[in-house]
Amino acid sequence: SYQELDLTSTLQAKIGAVTAGLKYEHY
């Protein structure tokens, strides 16, 4: 069997027409 839980947090900044983010993910 296979089970996976992914938890993610992303801090996003809207800079004009672009949204940039710093993302951390734990699987």
mmCIF file of all heavy atoms, coordinates in Angstrom:
data_MODEL
# 
_entry.id   MODEL 
# 
loop_
_atom_site.group_PDB 
_atom_site.id 
_atom_site.type_symbol 
_atom_site.label_atom_id 
_atom_site.label_alt_id 
_atom_site.label_comp_id 
_atom_site.label_asym_id 
_atom_site.label_entity_id 
_atom_site.label_seq_id 
_atom_site.pdbx_PDB_ins_code 
_atom_site.Cartn_x 
_atom_site.Cartn_y 
_atom_site.Cartn_z 
_atom_site.occupancy 
_atom_site.B_iso_or_equiv 
_atom_site.pdbx_formal_charge 
_atom_site.auth_seq_id 
_atom_site.auth_comp_id 
_atom_site.auth_asym_id 
_atom_site.auth_atom_id 
_atom_site.pdbx_PDB_model_num 
ATOM 1   N N   . SER A 1 1  ? 0.827  -1.204 0.000   1.00 0.00 ? 1  SER A N   1 
ATOM 2   C CA  . SER A 1 1  ? 0.000  0.000  0.000   1.00 0.00 ? 1  SER A CA  1 
ATOM 3   C C   . SER A 1 1  ? 0.865  1.258  0.000   1.00 0.00 ? 1  SER A C   1 
ATOM 4   O O   . SER A 1 1  ? 2.029  1.237  0.371   1.00 0.00 ? 1  SER A O   1 
ATOM 5   C CB  . SER A 1 1  ? -0.927 0.006  1.206   1.00 0.00 ? 1  SER A CB  1 
ATOM 6   O OG  . SER A 1 1  ? -0.171 0.055  2.391   1.00 0.00 ? 1  SER A OG  1 
ATOM 7   N N   . TYR A 1 2  ? 0.242  2.348  -0.424  1.00 0.00 ? 2  TYR A N   1 
ATOM 8   C CA  . TYR A 1 2  ? 0.926  3.629  -0.552  1.00 0.00 ? 2  TYR A CA  1 
ATOM 9   C C   . TYR A 1 2  ? 0.045  4.698  0.060   1.00 0.00 ? 2  TYR A C   1 
ATOM 10  O O   . TYR A 1 2  ? -1.124 4.814  -0.286  1.00 0.00 ? 2  TYR A O   1 
ATOM 11  C CB  . TYR A 1 2  ? 1.165  3.925  -2.034  1.00 0.00 ? 2  TYR A CB  1 
ATOM 12  C CG  . TYR A 1 2  ? 1.899  5.221  -2.280  1.00 0.00 ? 2  TYR A CG  1 
ATOM 13  C CD1 . TYR A 1 2  ? 3.276  5.243  -2.382  1.00 0.00 ? 2  TYR A CD1 1 
ATOM 14  C CD2 . TYR A 1 2  ? 1.207  6.423  -2.417  1.00 0.00 ? 2  TYR A CD2 1 
ATOM 15  C CE1 . TYR A 1 2  ? 3.959  6.417  -2.615  1.00 0.00 ? 2  TYR A CE1 1 
ATOM 16  C CE2 . TYR A 1 2  ? 1.882  7.609  -2.647  1.00 0.00 ? 2  TYR A CE2 1 
ATOM 17  C CZ  . TYR A 1 2  ? 3.258  7.591  -2.746  1.00 0.00 ? 2  TYR A CZ  1 
ATOM 18  O OH  . TYR A 1 2  ? 3.929  8.762  -2.967  1.00 0.00 ? 2  TYR A OH  1 
ATOM 19  N N   . GLN A 1 3  ? 0.616  5.490  0.966   1.00 0.00 ? 3  GLN A N   1 
ATOM 20  C CA  . GLN A 1 3  ? -0.090 6.634  1.531   1.00 0.00 ? 3  GLN A CA  1 
ATOM 21  C C   . GLN A 1 3  ? 0.886  7.803  1.594   1.00 0.00 ? 3  GLN A C   1 
ATOM 22  O O   . GLN A 1 3  ? 2.027  7.632  1.996   1.00 0.00 ? 3  GLN A O   1 
ATOM 23  C CB  . GLN A 1 3  ? -0.612 6.332  2.927   1.00 0.00 ? 3  GLN A CB  1 
ATOM 24  C CG  . GLN A 1 3  ? -1.698 5.283  2.958   1.00 0.00 ? 3  GLN A CG  1 
ATOM 25  C CD  . GLN A 1 3  ? -2.226 5.088  4.360   1.00 0.00 ? 3  GLN A CD  1 
ATOM 26  O OE1 . GLN A 1 3  ? -2.488 6.053  5.073   1.00 0.00 ? 3  GLN A OE1 1 
ATOM 27  N NE2 . GLN A 1 3  ? -2.378 3.830  4.760   1.00 0.00 ? 3  GLN A NE2 1 
ATOM 28  N N   . GLU A 1 4  ? 0.392  8.978  1.197   1.00 0.00 ? 4  GLU A N   1 
ATOM 29  C CA  . GLU A 1 4  ? 1.228  10.174 1.178   1.00 0.00 ? 4  GLU A CA  1 
ATOM 30  C C   . GLU A 1 4  ? 0.417  11.367 1.663   1.00 0.00 ? 4  GLU A C   1 
ATOM 31  O O   . GLU A 1 4  ? -0.720 11.571 1.252   1.00 0.00 ? 4  GLU A O   1 
ATOM 32  C CB  . GLU A 1 4  ? 1.724  10.427 -0.249  1.00 0.00 ? 4  GLU A CB  1 
ATOM 33  C CG  . GLU A 1 4  ? 2.546  11.680 -0.404  1.00 0.00 ? 4  GLU A CG  1 
ATOM 34  C CD  . GLU A 1 4  ? 2.987  11.914 -1.846  1.00 0.00 ? 4  GLU A CD  1 
ATOM 35  O OE1 . GLU A 1 4  ? 3.071  10.948 -2.633  1.00 0.00 ? 4  GLU A OE1 1 
ATOM 36  O OE2 . GLU A 1 4  ? 3.232  13.086 -2.188  1.00 0.00 ? 4  GLU A OE2 1 
ATOM 37  N N   . LEU A 1 5  ? 1.011  12.157 2.557   1.00 0.00 ? 5  LEU A N   1 
ATOM 38  C CA  . LEU A 1 5  ? 0.429  13.408 3.030   1.00 0.00 ? 5  LEU A CA  1 
ATOM 39  C C   . LEU A 1 5  ? 1.427  14.514 2.723   1.00 0.00 ? 5  LEU A C   1 
ATOM 40  O O   . LEU A 1 5  ? 2.581  14.447 3.145   1.00 0.00 ? 5  LEU A O   1 
ATOM 41  C CB  . LEU A 1 5  ? 0.156  13.353 4.536   1.00 0.00 ? 5  LEU A CB  1 
ATOM 42  C CG  . LEU A 1 5  ? -0.283 14.663 5.190   1.00 0.00 ? 5  LEU A CG  1 
ATOM 43  C CD1 . LEU A 1 5  ? -1.639 15.119 4.656   1.00 0.00 ? 5  LEU A CD1 1 
ATOM 44  C CD2 . LEU A 1 5  ? -0.312 14.509 6.703   1.00 0.00 ? 5  LEU A CD2 1 
ATOM 45  N N   . ASP A 1 6  ? 0.985  15.521 1.968   1.00 0.00 ? 6  ASP A N   1 
ATOM 46  C CA  . ASP A 1 6  ? 1.830  16.664 1.633   1.00 0.00 ? 6  ASP A CA  1 
ATOM 47  C C   . ASP A 1 6  ? 1.290  17.900 2.343   1.00 0.00 ? 6  ASP A C   1 
ATOM 48  O O   . ASP A 1 6  ? 0.107  18.217 2.215   1.00 0.00 ? 6  ASP A O   1 
ATOM 49  C CB  . ASP A 1 6  ? 1.827  16.941 0.128   1.00 0.00 ? 6  ASP A CB  1 
ATOM 50  C CG  . ASP A 1 6  ? 2.283  15.753 -0.704  1.00 0.00 ? 6  ASP A CG  1 
ATOM 51  O OD1 . ASP A 1 6  ? 2.806  14.782 -0.130  1.00 0.00 ? 6  ASP A OD1 1 
ATOM 52  O OD2 . ASP A 1 6  ? 2.115  15.807 -1.928  1.00 0.00 ? 6  ASP A OD2 1 
ATOM 53  N N   . LEU A 1 7  ? 2.149  18.584 3.077   1.00 0.00 ? 7  LEU A N   1 
ATOM 54  C CA  . LEU A 1 7  ? 1.789  19.841 3.729   1.00 0.00 ? 7  LEU A CA  1 
ATOM 55  C C   . LEU A 1 7  ? 2.669  20.939 3.143   1.00 0.00 ? 7  LEU A C   1 
ATOM 56  O O   . LEU A 1 7  ? 3.890  20.804 3.102   1.00 0.00 ? 7  LEU A O   1 
ATOM 57  C CB  . LEU A 1 7  ? 1.979  19.744 5.238   1.00 0.00 ? 7  LEU A CB  1 
ATOM 58  C CG  . LEU A 1 7  ? 1.144  18.666 5.933   1.00 0.00 ? 7  LEU A CG  1 
ATOM 59  C CD1 . LEU A 1 7  ? 1.469  18.629 7.423   1.00 0.00 ? 7  LEU A CD1 1 
ATOM 60  C CD2 . LEU A 1 7  ? -0.344 18.911 5.710   1.00 0.00 ? 7  LEU A CD2 1 
ATOM 61  N N   . THR A 1 8  ? 2.027  22.015 2.694   1.00 0.00 ? 8  THR A N   1 
ATOM 62  C CA  . THR A 1 8  ? 2.725  23.073 1.973   1.00 0.00 ? 8  THR A CA  1 
ATOM 63  C C   . THR A 1 8  ? 2.363  24.438 2.539   1.00 0.00 ? 8  THR A C   1 
ATOM 64  O O   . THR A 1 8  ? 1.210  24.679 2.893   1.00 0.00 ? 8  THR A O   1 
ATOM 65  C CB  . THR A 1 8  ? 2.299  23.050 0.473   1.00 0.00 ? 8  THR A CB  1 
ATOM 66  O OG1 . THR A 1 8  ? 2.536  21.763 -0.044  1.00 0.00 ? 8  THR A OG1 1 
ATOM 67  C CG2 . THR A 1 8  ? 3.064  24.062 -0.329  1.00 0.00 ? 8  THR A CG2 1 
ATOM 68  N N   . SER A 1 9  ? 3.357  25.308 2.598   1.00 0.00 ? 9  SER A N   1 
ATOM 69  C CA  . SER A 1 9  ? 3.086  26.714 2.897   1.00 0.00 ? 9  SER A CA  1 
ATOM 70  C C   . SER A 1 9  ? 3.854  27.560 1.888   1.00 0.00 ? 9  SER A C   1 
ATOM 71  O O   . SER A 1 9  ? 5.002  27.265 1.566   1.00 0.00 ? 9  SER A O   1 
ATOM 72  C CB  . SER A 1 9  ? 3.483  27.075 4.328   1.00 0.00 ? 9  SER A CB  1 
ATOM 73  O OG  . SER A 1 9  ? 4.862  26.873 4.522   1.00 0.00 ? 9  SER A OG  1 
ATOM 74  N N   . THR A 1 10 ? 3.179  28.589 1.371   1.00 0.00 ? 10 THR A N   1 
ATOM 75  C CA  . THR A 1 10 ? 3.789  29.477 0.385   1.00 0.00 ? 10 THR A CA  1 
ATOM 76  C C   . THR A 1 10 ? 3.515  30.921 0.793   1.00 0.00 ? 10 THR A C   1 
ATOM 77  O O   . THR A 1 10 ? 2.360  31.304 0.989   1.00 0.00 ? 10 THR A O   1 
ATOM 78  C CB  . THR A 1 10 ? 3.202  29.232 -1.023  1.00 0.00 ? 10 THR A CB  1 
ATOM 79  O OG1 . THR A 1 10 ? 3.297  27.845 -1.347  1.00 0.00 ? 10 THR A OG1 1 
ATOM 80  C CG2 . THR A 1 10 ? 3.939  30.053 -2.066  1.00 0.00 ? 10 THR A CG2 1 
ATOM 81  N N   . LEU A 1 11 ? 4.564  31.702 0.921   1.00 0.00 ? 11 LEU A N   1 
ATOM 82  C CA  . LEU A 1 11 ? 4.424  33.134 1.160   1.00 0.00 ? 11 LEU A CA  1 
ATOM 83  C C   . LEU A 1 11 ? 4.505  33.804 -0.204  1.00 0.00 ? 11 LEU A C   1 
ATOM 84  O O   . LEU A 1 11 ? 5.527  33.714 -0.895  1.00 0.00 ? 11 LEU A O   1 
ATOM 85  C CB  . LEU A 1 11 ? 5.518  33.663 2.081   1.00 0.00 ? 11 LEU A CB  1 
ATOM 86  C CG  . LEU A 1 11 ? 5.442  35.155 2.402   1.00 0.00 ? 11 LEU A CG  1 
ATOM 87  C CD1 . LEU A 1 11 ? 4.122  35.497 3.108   1.00 0.00 ? 11 LEU A CD1 1 
ATOM 88  C CD2 . LEU A 1 11 ? 6.641  35.574 3.241   1.00 0.00 ? 11 LEU A CD2 1 
ATOM 89  N N   . GLN A 1 12 ? 3.401  34.445 -0.632  1.00 0.00 ? 12 GLN A N   1 
ATOM 90  C CA  . GLN A 1 12 ? 3.310  35.040 -1.960  1.00 0.00 ? 12 GLN A CA  1 
ATOM 91  C C   . GLN A 1 12 ? 3.291  36.560 -1.862  1.00 0.00 ? 12 GLN A C   1 
ATOM 92  O O   . GLN A 1 12 ? 2.650  37.114 -0.978  1.00 0.00 ? 12 GLN A O   1 
ATOM 93  C CB  . GLN A 1 12 ? 2.038  34.578 -2.666  1.00 0.00 ? 12 GLN A CB  1 
ATOM 94  C CG  . GLN A 1 12 ? 1.988  33.081 -2.876  1.00 0.00 ? 12 GLN A CG  1 
ATOM 95  C CD  . GLN A 1 12 ? 0.644  32.622 -3.399  1.00 0.00 ? 12 GLN A CD  1 
ATOM 96  O OE1 . GLN A 1 12 ? -0.389 33.023 -2.880  1.00 0.00 ? 12 GLN A OE1 1 
ATOM 97  N NE2 . GLN A 1 12 ? 0.666  31.778 -4.417  1.00 0.00 ? 12 GLN A NE2 1 
ATOM 98  N N   . ALA A 1 13 ? 3.996  37.193 -2.802  1.00 0.00 ? 13 ALA A N   1 
ATOM 99  C CA  . ALA A 1 13 ? 4.026  38.658 -2.888  1.00 0.00 ? 13 ALA A CA  1 
ATOM 100 C C   . ALA A 1 13 ? 3.541  39.073 -4.264  1.00 0.00 ? 13 ALA A C   1 
ATOM 101 O O   . ALA A 1 13 ? 4.052  38.603 -5.282  1.00 0.00 ? 13 ALA A O   1 
ATOM 102 C CB  . ALA A 1 13 ? 5.437  39.173 -2.645  1.00 0.00 ? 13 ALA A CB  1 
ATOM 103 N N   . LYS A 1 14 ? 2.538  39.950 -4.287  1.00 0.00 ? 14 LYS A N   1 
ATOM 104 C CA  . LYS A 1 14 ? 2.013  40.487 -5.545  1.00 0.00 ? 14 LYS A CA  1 
ATOM 105 C C   . LYS A 1 14 ? 2.826  41.726 -5.890  1.00 0.00 ? 14 LYS A C   1 
ATOM 106 O O   . LYS A 1 14 ? 2.815  42.712 -5.165  1.00 0.00 ? 14 LYS A O   1 
ATOM 107 C CB  . LYS A 1 14 ? 0.532  40.833 -5.393  1.00 0.00 ? 14 LYS A CB  1 
ATOM 108 C CG  . LYS A 1 14 ? -0.092 41.395 -6.630  1.00 0.00 ? 14 LYS A CG  1 
ATOM 109 C CD  . LYS A 1 14 ? -1.052 40.401 -7.228  1.00 0.00 ? 14 LYS A CD  1 
ATOM 110 C CE  . LYS A 1 14 ? -1.814 41.006 -8.384  1.00 0.00 ? 14 LYS A CE  1 
ATOM 111 N NZ  . LYS A 1 14 ? -1.313 40.588 -9.666  1.00 0.00 ? 14 LYS A NZ  1 
ATOM 112 N N   . ILE A 1 15 ? 3.564  41.623 -7.015  1.00 0.00 ? 15 ILE A N   1 
ATOM 113 C CA  . ILE A 1 15 ? 4.437  42.717 -7.442  1.00 0.00 ? 15 ILE A CA  1 
ATOM 114 C C   . ILE A 1 15 ? 4.016  43.092 -8.856  1.00 0.00 ? 15 ILE A C   1 
ATOM 115 O O   . ILE A 1 15 ? 4.416  42.450 -9.821  1.00 0.00 ? 15 ILE A O   1 
ATOM 116 C CB  . ILE A 1 15 ? 5.917  42.281 -7.405  1.00 0.00 ? 15 ILE A CB  1 
ATOM 117 C CG1 . ILE A 1 15 ? 6.274  41.735 -6.021  1.00 0.00 ? 15 ILE A CG1 1 
ATOM 118 C CG2 . ILE A 1 15 ? 6.830  43.434 -7.806  1.00 0.00 ? 15 ILE A CG2 1 
ATOM 119 C CD1 . ILE A 1 15 ? 7.536  40.925 -5.974  1.00 0.00 ? 15 ILE A CD1 1 
ATOM 120 N N   . GLY A 1 16 ? 3.145  44.069 -8.976  1.00 0.00 ? 16 GLY A N   1 
ATOM 121 C CA  . GLY A 1 16 ? 2.606  44.444 -10.275 1.00 0.00 ? 16 GLY A CA  1 
ATOM 122 C C   . GLY A 1 16 ? 1.773  43.315 -10.853 1.00 0.00 ? 16 GLY A C   1 
ATOM 123 O O   . GLY A 1 16 ? 0.882  42.788 -10.194 1.00 0.00 ? 16 GLY A O   1 
ATOM 124 N N   . ALA A 1 17 ? 2.093  42.902 -12.071 1.00 0.00 ? 17 ALA A N   1 
ATOM 125 C CA  . ALA A 1 17 ? 1.333  41.845 -12.745 1.00 0.00 ? 17 ALA A CA  1 
ATOM 126 C C   . ALA A 1 17 ? 1.842  40.442 -12.405 1.00 0.00 ? 17 ALA A C   1 
ATOM 127 O O   . ALA A 1 17 ? 1.306  39.456 -12.882 1.00 0.00 ? 17 ALA A O   1 
ATOM 128 C CB  . ALA A 1 17 ? 1.406  42.054 -14.253 1.00 0.00 ? 17 ALA A CB  1 
ATOM 129 N N   . VAL A 1 18 ? 2.879  40.354 -11.570 1.00 0.00 ? 18 VAL A N   1 
ATOM 130 C CA  . VAL A 1 18 ? 3.487  39.063 -11.226 1.00 0.00 ? 18 VAL A CA  1 
ATOM 131 C C   . VAL A 1 18 ? 3.283  38.769 -9.741  1.00 0.00 ? 18 VAL A C   1 
ATOM 132 O O   . VAL A 1 18 ? 3.385  39.651 -8.900  1.00 0.00 ? 18 VAL A O   1 
ATOM 133 C CB  . VAL A 1 18 ? 4.999  39.073 -11.553 1.00 0.00 ? 18 VAL A CB  1 
ATOM 134 C CG1 . VAL A 1 18 ? 5.678  37.803 -11.086 1.00 0.00 ? 18 VAL A CG1 1 
ATOM 135 C CG2 . VAL A 1 18 ? 5.220  39.289 -13.040 1.00 0.00 ? 18 VAL A CG2 1 
ATOM 136 N N   . THR A 1 19 ? 2.980  37.512 -9.456  1.00 0.00 ? 19 THR A N   1 
ATOM 137 C CA  . THR A 1 19 ? 2.949  37.042 -8.074  1.00 0.00 ? 19 THR A CA  1 
ATOM 138 C C   . THR A 1 19 ? 4.113  36.071 -7.899  1.00 0.00 ? 19 THR A C   1 
ATOM 139 O O   . THR A 1 19 ? 4.216  35.070 -8.614  1.00 0.00 ? 19 THR A O   1 
ATOM 140 C CB  . THR A 1 19 ? 1.621  36.340 -7.744  1.00 0.00 ? 19 THR A CB  1 
ATOM 141 O OG1 . THR A 1 19 ? 0.547  37.271 -7.944  1.00 0.00 ? 19 THR A OG1 1 
ATOM 142 C CG2 . THR A 1 19 ? 1.598  35.860 -6.308  1.00 0.00 ? 19 THR A CG2 1 
ATOM 143 N N   . ALA A 1 20 ? 5.007  36.392 -6.952  1.00 0.00 ? 20 ALA A N   1 
ATOM 144 C CA  . ALA A 1 20 ? 6.165  35.549 -6.666  1.00 0.00 ? 20 ALA A CA  1 
ATOM 145 C C   . ALA A 1 20 ? 5.979  34.941 -5.285  1.00 0.00 ? 20 ALA A C   1 
ATOM 146 O O   . ALA A 1 20 ? 5.387  35.557 -4.398  1.00 0.00 ? 20 ALA A O   1 
ATOM 147 C CB  . ALA A 1 20 ? 7.451  36.370 -6.717  1.00 0.00 ? 20 ALA A CB  1 
ATOM 148 N N   . GLY A 1 21 ? 6.478  33.719 -5.121  1.00 0.00 ? 21 GLY A N   1 
ATOM 149 C CA  . GLY A 1 21 ? 6.308  33.066 -3.834  1.00 0.00 ? 21 GLY A CA  1 
ATOM 150 C C   . GLY A 1 21 ? 7.513  32.257 -3.413  1.00 0.00 ? 21 GLY A C   1 
ATOM 151 O O   . GLY A 1 21 ? 8.301  31.794 -4.240  1.00 0.00 ? 21 GLY A O   1 
ATOM 152 N N   . LEU A 1 22 ? 7.636  32.075 -2.110  1.00 0.00 ? 22 LEU A N   1 
ATOM 153 C CA  . LEU A 1 22 ? 8.623  31.178 -1.515  1.00 0.00 ? 22 LEU A CA  1 
ATOM 154 C C   . LEU A 1 22 ? 7.822  30.039 -0.903  1.00 0.00 ? 22 LEU A C   1 
ATOM 155 O O   . LEU A 1 22 ? 6.962  30.273 -0.045  1.00 0.00 ? 22 LEU A O   1 
ATOM 156 C CB  . LEU A 1 22 ? 9.447  31.899 -0.452  1.00 0.00 ? 22 LEU A CB  1 
ATOM 157 C CG  . LEU A 1 22 ? 10.526 31.062 0.224   1.00 0.00 ? 22 LEU A CG  1 
ATOM 158 C CD1 . LEU A 1 22 ? 11.568 30.588 -0.796  1.00 0.00 ? 22 LEU A CD1 1 
ATOM 159 C CD2 . LEU A 1 22 ? 11.192 31.877 1.325   1.00 0.00 ? 22 LEU A CD2 1 
ATOM 160 N N   . LYS A 1 23 ? 8.098  28.811 -1.351  1.00 0.00 ? 23 LYS A N   1 
ATOM 161 C CA  . LYS A 1 23 ? 7.271  27.656 -1.005  1.00 0.00 ? 23 LYS A CA  1 
ATOM 162 C C   . LYS A 1 23 ? 8.092  26.602 -0.260  1.00 0.00 ? 23 LYS A C   1 
ATOM 163 O O   . LYS A 1 23 ? 9.197  26.256 -0.669  1.00 0.00 ? 23 LYS A O   1 
ATOM 164 C CB  . LYS A 1 23 ? 6.707  27.051 -2.298  1.00 0.00 ? 23 LYS A CB  1 
ATOM 165 C CG  . LYS A 1 23 ? 5.846  25.828 -2.110  1.00 0.00 ? 23 LYS A CG  1 
ATOM 166 C CD  . LYS A 1 23 ? 5.339  25.349 -3.473  1.00 0.00 ? 23 LYS A CD  1 
ATOM 167 C CE  . LYS A 1 23 ? 4.450  24.139 -3.374  1.00 0.00 ? 23 LYS A CE  1 
ATOM 168 N NZ  . LYS A 1 23 ? 3.956  23.724 -4.704  1.00 0.00 ? 23 LYS A NZ  1 
ATOM 169 N N   . TYR A 1 24 ? 7.520  26.084 0.837   1.00 0.00 ? 24 TYR A N   1 
ATOM 170 C CA  . TYR A 1 24 ? 8.114  24.945 1.551   1.00 0.00 ? 24 TYR A CA  1 
ATOM 171 C C   . TYR A 1 24 ? 7.097  23.814 1.534   1.00 0.00 ? 24 TYR A C   1 
ATOM 172 O O   . TYR A 1 24 ? 5.911  24.025 1.801   1.00 0.00 ? 24 TYR A O   1 
ATOM 173 C CB  . TYR A 1 24 ? 8.457  25.291 3.001   1.00 0.00 ? 24 TYR A CB  1 
ATOM 174 C CG  . TYR A 1 24 ? 8.850  24.062 3.776   1.00 0.00 ? 24 TYR A CG  1 
ATOM 175 C CD1 . TYR A 1 24 ? 10.089 23.470 3.576   1.00 0.00 ? 24 TYR A CD1 1 
ATOM 176 C CD2 . TYR A 1 24 ? 7.962  23.463 4.656   1.00 0.00 ? 24 TYR A CD2 1 
ATOM 177 C CE1 . TYR A 1 24 ? 10.442 22.312 4.255   1.00 0.00 ? 24 TYR A CE1 1 
ATOM 178 C CE2 . TYR A 1 24 ? 8.304  22.314 5.338   1.00 0.00 ? 24 TYR A CE2 1 
ATOM 179 C CZ  . TYR A 1 24 ? 9.542  21.740 5.136   1.00 0.00 ? 24 TYR A CZ  1 
ATOM 180 O OH  . TYR A 1 24 ? 9.886  20.594 5.801   1.00 0.00 ? 24 TYR A OH  1 
ATOM 181 N N   . GLU A 1 25 ? 7.570  22.607 1.215   1.00 0.00 ? 25 GLU A N   1 
ATOM 182 C CA  . GLU A 1 25 ? 6.687  21.444 1.173   1.00 0.00 ? 25 GLU A CA  1 
ATOM 183 C C   . GLU A 1 25 ? 7.336  20.284 1.908   1.00 0.00 ? 25 GLU A C   1 
ATOM 184 O O   . GLU A 1 25 ? 8.523  20.026 1.764   1.00 0.00 ? 25 GLU A O   1 
ATOM 185 C CB  . GLU A 1 25 ? 6.411  21.056 -0.282  1.00 0.00 ? 25 GLU A CB  1 
ATOM 186 C CG  . GLU A 1 25 ? 5.288  20.061 -0.425  1.00 0.00 ? 25 GLU A CG  1 
ATOM 187 C CD  . GLU A 1 25 ? 4.671  20.091 -1.814  1.00 0.00 ? 25 GLU A CD  1 
ATOM 188 O OE1 . GLU A 1 25 ? 5.230  20.708 -2.722  1.00 0.00 ? 25 GLU A OE1 1 
ATOM 189 O OE2 . GLU A 1 25 ? 3.609  19.485 -1.984  1.00 0.00 ? 25 GLU A OE2 1 
ATOM 190 N N   . HIS A 1 26 ? 6.531  19.602 2.727   1.00 0.00 ? 26 HIS A N   1 
ATOM 191 C CA  . HIS A 1 26 ? 6.989  18.395 3.421   1.00 0.00 ? 26 HIS A CA  1 
ATOM 192 C C   . HIS A 1 26 ? 6.070  17.249 3.022   1.00 0.00 ? 26 HIS A C   1 
ATOM 193 O O   . HIS A 1 26 ? 4.853  17.351 3.140   1.00 0.00 ? 26 HIS A O   1 
ATOM 194 C CB  . HIS A 1 26 ? 6.969  18.576 4.938   1.00 0.00 ? 26 HIS A CB  1 
ATOM 195 C CG  . HIS A 1 26 ? 7.624  17.441 5.645   1.00 0.00 ? 26 HIS A CG  1 
ATOM 196 N ND1 . HIS A 1 26 ? 8.964  17.442 5.931   1.00 0.00 ? 26 HIS A ND1 1 
ATOM 197 C CD2 . HIS A 1 26 ? 7.141  16.257 6.080   1.00 0.00 ? 26 HIS A CD2 1 
ATOM 198 C CE1 . HIS A 1 26 ? 9.280  16.304 6.541   1.00 0.00 ? 26 HIS A CE1 1 
ATOM 199 N NE2 . HIS A 1 26 ? 8.189  15.571 6.637   1.00 0.00 ? 26 HIS A NE2 1 
ATOM 200 N N   . TYR A 1 27 ? 6.668  16.170 2.518   1.00 0.00 ? 27 TYR A N   1 
ATOM 201 C CA  . TYR A 1 27 ? 5.926  14.978 2.111   1.00 0.00 ? 27 TYR A CA  1 
ATOM 202 C C   . TYR A 1 27 ? 6.127  13.912 3.185   1.00 0.00 ? 27 TYR A C   1 
ATOM 203 O O   . TYR A 1 27 ? 7.258  13.544 3.493   1.00 0.00 ? 27 TYR A O   1 
ATOM 204 C CB  . TYR A 1 27 ? 6.470  14.420 0.790   1.00 0.00 ? 27 TYR A CB  1 
ATOM 205 C CG  . TYR A 1 27 ? 6.450  15.359 -0.379  1.00 0.00 ? 27 TYR A CG  1 
ATOM 206 C CD1 . TYR A 1 27 ? 7.449  16.310 -0.564  1.00 0.00 ? 27 TYR A CD1 1 
ATOM 207 C CD2 . TYR A 1 27 ? 5.447  15.269 -1.337  1.00 0.00 ? 27 TYR A CD2 1 
ATOM 208 C CE1 . TYR A 1 27 ? 7.447  17.143 -1.663  1.00 0.00 ? 27 TYR A CE1 1 
ATOM 209 C CE2 . TYR A 1 27 ? 5.442  16.107 -2.442  1.00 0.00 ? 27 TYR A CE2 1 
ATOM 210 C CZ  . TYR A 1 27 ? 6.441  17.035 -2.592  1.00 0.00 ? 27 TYR A CZ  1 
ATOM 211 O OH  . TYR A 1 27 ? 6.442  17.862 -3.682  1.00 0.00 ? 27 TYR A OH  1 
# 
